[in-house]
Amino acid sequence: MRYADGGGLTPVGRRRRETVRMQAAELFEQQIAVSEVARRLRVSVKSAYQWHQLWRDGGVEALASRGPSGSRCRLSSRCLEKLTGFLEEGPAAHGWTEDQVWTASRVATLIGRKFHVSYSVSGATRLMHRLGFSPQVPARRVAERDEQAVAVWKVATWAEVKGSGRPAGATSASRTKPASPDGRPGDGLGAGGAALRS
């Protein structure tokens, strides 16, 4: 599945957050209390205190956006373009014909085959999100499944295999209220129960 604008925070979202941090810096310069800055900007007090610490240590520049977060990608931008093309071709084009699903494991294998770079499954998942794809879980049903044969098996064989099950009886599964000798649920106290209660 491909997301409309890619995974994670968009450039517009990063700029919007940076704008809020710059507003916080202006309020810090006016010596407004950190909790009041958080209230005015509708951010958490924790974020406001973190921004205040950054601003105090490095000024307004310390609150500027540093671009997308995360570790450096091990594939070049050209390789990422190629990988996006491969993913858009679908799994069948690359040897996975049993279903049309990109799993993180398959993407890690594809990266190894095409670019000779080793990625873990979790790393492939993060990379897929970065490219705007989400890993899918393969369907448990085989593409070549014979629905008519399955229906016949359910009618003919399953009824015999299933059996009738345990008959309903007066057995009790509760340790606290065993059945009384006459078959009705008892109070679990036995013959001397009344004497114990008084």
Protein backbone atom coordinates (compact mmCIF):
# COMPACT_ATOMS: atom_id res chain seq x y z
CA MET A 1 0.00 0.00 0.00
CA ARG A 2 1.33 3.46 -0.84
CA TYR A 3 0.56 6.52 1.25
CA ALA A 4 -0.52 9.70 -0.51
CA ASP A 5 2.35 11.87 0.69
CA GLY A 6 4.86 9.39 2.05
CA GLY A 7 5.36 8.25 5.61
CA GLY A 8 6.47 10.44 8.49
CA LEU A 9 6.37 14.22 8.74
CA THR A 10 6.11 16.13 5.47
CA PRO A 11 8.26 19.22 4.71
CA VAL A 12 5.14 21.35 5.33
CA GLY A 13 4.66 19.69 8.73
CA ARG A 14 8.32 20.29 9.63
CA ARG A 15 8.01 23.98 8.68
CA ARG A 16 4.82 24.29 10.76
CA ARG A 17 6.59 22.83 13.81
CA GLU A 18 9.56 25.10 13.27
CA THR A 19 7.23 28.11 13.18
CA VAL A 20 5.80 27.12 16.58
CA ARG A 21 9.33 26.77 18.01
CA MET A 22 10.24 30.23 16.68
CA GLN A 23 7.13 31.67 18.34
CA ALA A 24 8.27 30.00 21.57
CA ALA A 25 11.70 31.66 21.20
CA GLU A 26 10.04 35.08 20.89
CA LEU A 27 8.06 34.42 24.07
CA PHE A 28 11.19 33.20 25.90
CA GLU A 29 12.92 36.47 24.94
CA GLN A 30 10.01 38.34 26.56
CA GLN A 31 10.73 36.31 29.73
CA ILE A 32 7.32 34.63 29.69
CA ALA A 33 7.12 31.56 31.95
CA VAL A 34 7.67 28.26 30.20
CA SER A 35 4.31 26.85 31.36
CA GLU A 36 2.58 29.95 29.95
CA VAL A 37 4.44 29.50 26.63
CA ALA A 38 3.16 25.90 26.51
CA ARG A 39 -0.40 27.06 27.19
CA ARG A 40 -0.32 29.84 24.58
CA LEU A 41 1.16 27.66 21.86
CA ARG A 42 -0.93 24.61 22.81
CA VAL A 43 2.06 22.32 23.23
CA SER A 44 3.08 20.05 26.09
CA VAL A 45 4.94 21.58 29.01
CA LYS A 46 7.68 19.00 28.43
CA SER A 47 8.21 20.22 24.84
CA ALA A 48 8.24 23.83 26.01
CA TYR A 49 10.91 23.06 28.63
CA GLN A 50 13.02 21.20 26.04
CA TRP A 51 12.75 24.16 23.64
CA HIS A 52 13.61 26.58 26.44
CA GLN A 53 16.77 24.58 27.26
CA LEU A 54 17.78 24.53 23.58
CA TRP A 55 17.08 28.25 23.24
CA ARG A 56 19.04 29.08 26.40
CA ASP A 57 22.04 27.00 25.25
CA GLY A 58 22.07 27.89 21.54
CA GLY A 59 19.70 30.74 20.85
CA VAL A 60 17.05 30.85 18.14
CA GLU A 61 19.26 28.85 15.74
CA ALA A 62 19.05 25.85 18.07
CA LEU A 63 15.28 25.70 17.45
CA ALA A 64 15.60 25.67 13.66
CA SER A 65 14.51 22.51 11.81
CA ARG A 66 17.32 20.09 11.00
CA GLY A 67 15.37 18.35 8.23
CA PRO A 68 14.02 14.81 8.28
CA SER A 69 14.95 12.85 11.39
CA GLY A 70 16.37 9.35 11.49
CA SER A 71 19.61 7.68 10.63
CA ARG A 72 21.36 8.21 7.32
CA CYS A 73 19.98 6.02 4.55
CA ARG A 74 22.37 3.38 3.23
CA LEU A 75 20.99 3.72 -0.31
CA SER A 76 21.75 6.70 -2.55
CA SER A 77 18.90 8.85 -3.87
CA ARG A 78 19.32 7.16 -7.27
CA CYS A 79 19.01 3.71 -5.66
CA LEU A 80 15.93 4.87 -3.74
CA GLU A 81 14.32 5.95 -7.03
CA LYS A 82 15.09 2.54 -8.52
CA LEU A 83 13.74 0.77 -5.43
CA THR A 84 10.51 2.78 -5.65
CA GLY A 85 10.15 1.65 -9.26
CA PHE A 86 10.75 -1.98 -8.29
CA LEU A 87 8.14 -1.77 -5.53
CA GLU A 88 5.60 -0.22 -7.90
CA GLU A 89 6.13 -3.14 -10.32
CA GLY A 90 4.82 -5.48 -7.65
CA PRO A 91 6.20 -8.64 -6.04
CA ALA A 92 5.36 -10.93 -8.98
CA ALA A 93 7.77 -9.02 -11.23
CA HIS A 94 10.55 -10.00 -8.82
CA GLY A 95 9.72 -13.67 -8.26
CA TRP A 96 7.04 -13.67 -5.55
CA THR A 97 4.09 -15.02 -7.53
CA GLU A 98 2.08 -16.59 -4.70
CA ASP A 99 0.46 -13.27 -3.76
CA GLN A 100 0.72 -9.58 -4.59
CA VAL A 101 2.03 -8.40 -1.23
CA TRP A 102 5.24 -6.58 -0.31
CA THR A 103 6.37 -7.77 3.10
CA ALA A 104 9.33 -6.17 4.87
CA SER A 105 11.22 -9.45 4.54
CA ARG A 106 10.70 -9.49 0.77
CA VAL A 107 11.81 -5.86 0.48
CA ALA A 108 14.97 -6.61 2.50
CA THR A 109 15.68 -9.52 0.13
CA LEU A 110 15.00 -7.35 -2.93
CA ILE A 111 17.41 -4.65 -1.67
CA GLY A 112 20.08 -7.31 -1.15
CA ARG A 113 19.56 -8.74 -4.64
CA LYS A 114 19.43 -5.43 -6.50
CA PHE A 115 21.84 -3.22 -4.54
CA HIS A 116 24.01 -5.69 -2.59
CA VAL A 117 23.17 -3.91 0.67
CA SER A 118 22.01 -5.83 3.72
CA TYR A 119 18.88 -4.53 5.48
CA SER A 120 17.15 -5.99 8.51
CA VAL A 121 13.39 -6.53 8.40
CA SER A 122 12.84 -3.56 10.74
CA GLY A 123 15.18 -1.42 8.63
CA ALA A 124 13.28 -2.39 5.48
CA THR A 125 10.02 -1.46 7.22
CA ARG A 126 11.35 2.01 8.06
CA LEU A 127 12.66 2.45 4.52
CA MET A 128 9.28 1.43 3.05
CA HIS A 129 7.54 4.03 5.21
CA ARG A 130 10.06 6.64 4.10
CA LEU A 131 9.25 5.82 0.46
CA GLY A 132 5.51 5.96 1.15
CA PHE A 133 4.77 2.23 1.24
CA SER A 134 3.48 0.08 4.07
CA PRO A 135 4.51 -3.55 4.47
CA GLN A 136 1.63 -5.97 4.18
CA VAL A 137 0.95 -9.28 5.85
CA PRO A 138 0.56 -12.04 3.28
CA ALA A 139 -2.85 -13.69 3.04
CA ARG A 140 -2.95 -17.16 4.54
CA ARG A 141 -4.97 -18.40 1.58
CA VAL A 142 -3.07 -19.84 -1.39
CA ALA A 143 -3.86 -18.18 -4.74
CA GLU A 144 -4.43 -21.60 -6.38
CA ARG A 145 -6.91 -22.75 -3.68
CA ASP A 146 -9.75 -24.89 -5.06
CA GLU A 147 -12.87 -23.47 -3.39
CA GLN A 148 -15.11 -26.28 -4.68
CA ALA A 149 -12.86 -28.98 -3.19
CA VAL A 150 -12.83 -27.09 0.14
CA ALA A 151 -16.67 -26.93 0.16
CA VAL A 152 -16.94 -30.69 -0.55
CA TRP A 153 -14.43 -31.48 2.22
CA LYS A 154 -16.40 -29.37 4.72
CA VAL A 155 -19.64 -31.23 3.97
CA ALA A 156 -18.30 -34.78 3.61
CA THR A 157 -15.19 -35.07 5.79
CA TRP A 158 -15.47 -32.41 8.48
CA ALA A 159 -18.75 -33.80 9.85
CA GLU A 160 -17.06 -37.18 10.44
CA VAL A 161 -13.88 -35.71 11.92
CA LYS A 162 -15.66 -33.23 14.15
CA GLY A 163 -17.73 -35.86 16.01
CA SER A 164 -20.50 -35.09 18.41
CA GLY A 165 -18.31 -33.67 21.20
CA ARG A 166 -18.80 -34.13 24.93
CA PRO A 167 -22.39 -34.78 25.97
CA ALA A 168 -24.04 -32.20 28.17
CA GLY A 169 -24.43 -33.62 31.65
CA ALA A 170 -24.64 -32.76 35.31
CA THR A 171 -20.89 -32.51 35.67
CA SER A 172 -19.52 -29.46 37.41
CA ALA A 173 -16.42 -27.59 36.32
CA SER A 174 -16.44 -25.38 39.41
CA ARG A 175 -14.34 -26.32 42.45
CA THR A 176 -16.26 -23.95 44.69
CA LYS A 177 -19.71 -25.34 43.96
CA PRO A 178 -19.59 -29.10 43.30
CA ALA A 179 -22.81 -30.85 42.34
CA SER A 180 -24.85 -32.23 45.23
CA PRO A 181 -25.71 -35.96 45.34
CA ASP A 182 -29.12 -35.30 43.79
CA GLY A 183 -27.52 -33.61 40.73
CA ARG A 184 -28.38 -30.03 41.65
CA PRO A 185 -25.60 -27.48 42.23
CA GLY A 186 -24.60 -27.53 45.87
CA ASP A 187 -23.28 -24.87 48.17
CA GLY A 188 -19.85 -26.51 48.43
CA LEU A 189 -20.04 -26.69 52.20
CA GLY A 190 -20.97 -30.36 52.57
CA ALA A 191 -22.94 -31.82 55.51
CA GLY A 192 -21.42 -29.57 58.14
CA GLY A 193 -21.80 -26.41 56.07
CA ALA A 194 -24.70 -24.99 58.03
CA ALA A 195 -22.80 -25.38 61.28
CA LEU A 196 -19.76 -23.62 59.86
CA ARG A 197 -21.80 -20.64 58.78
CA SER A 198 -23.29 -19.92 62.21
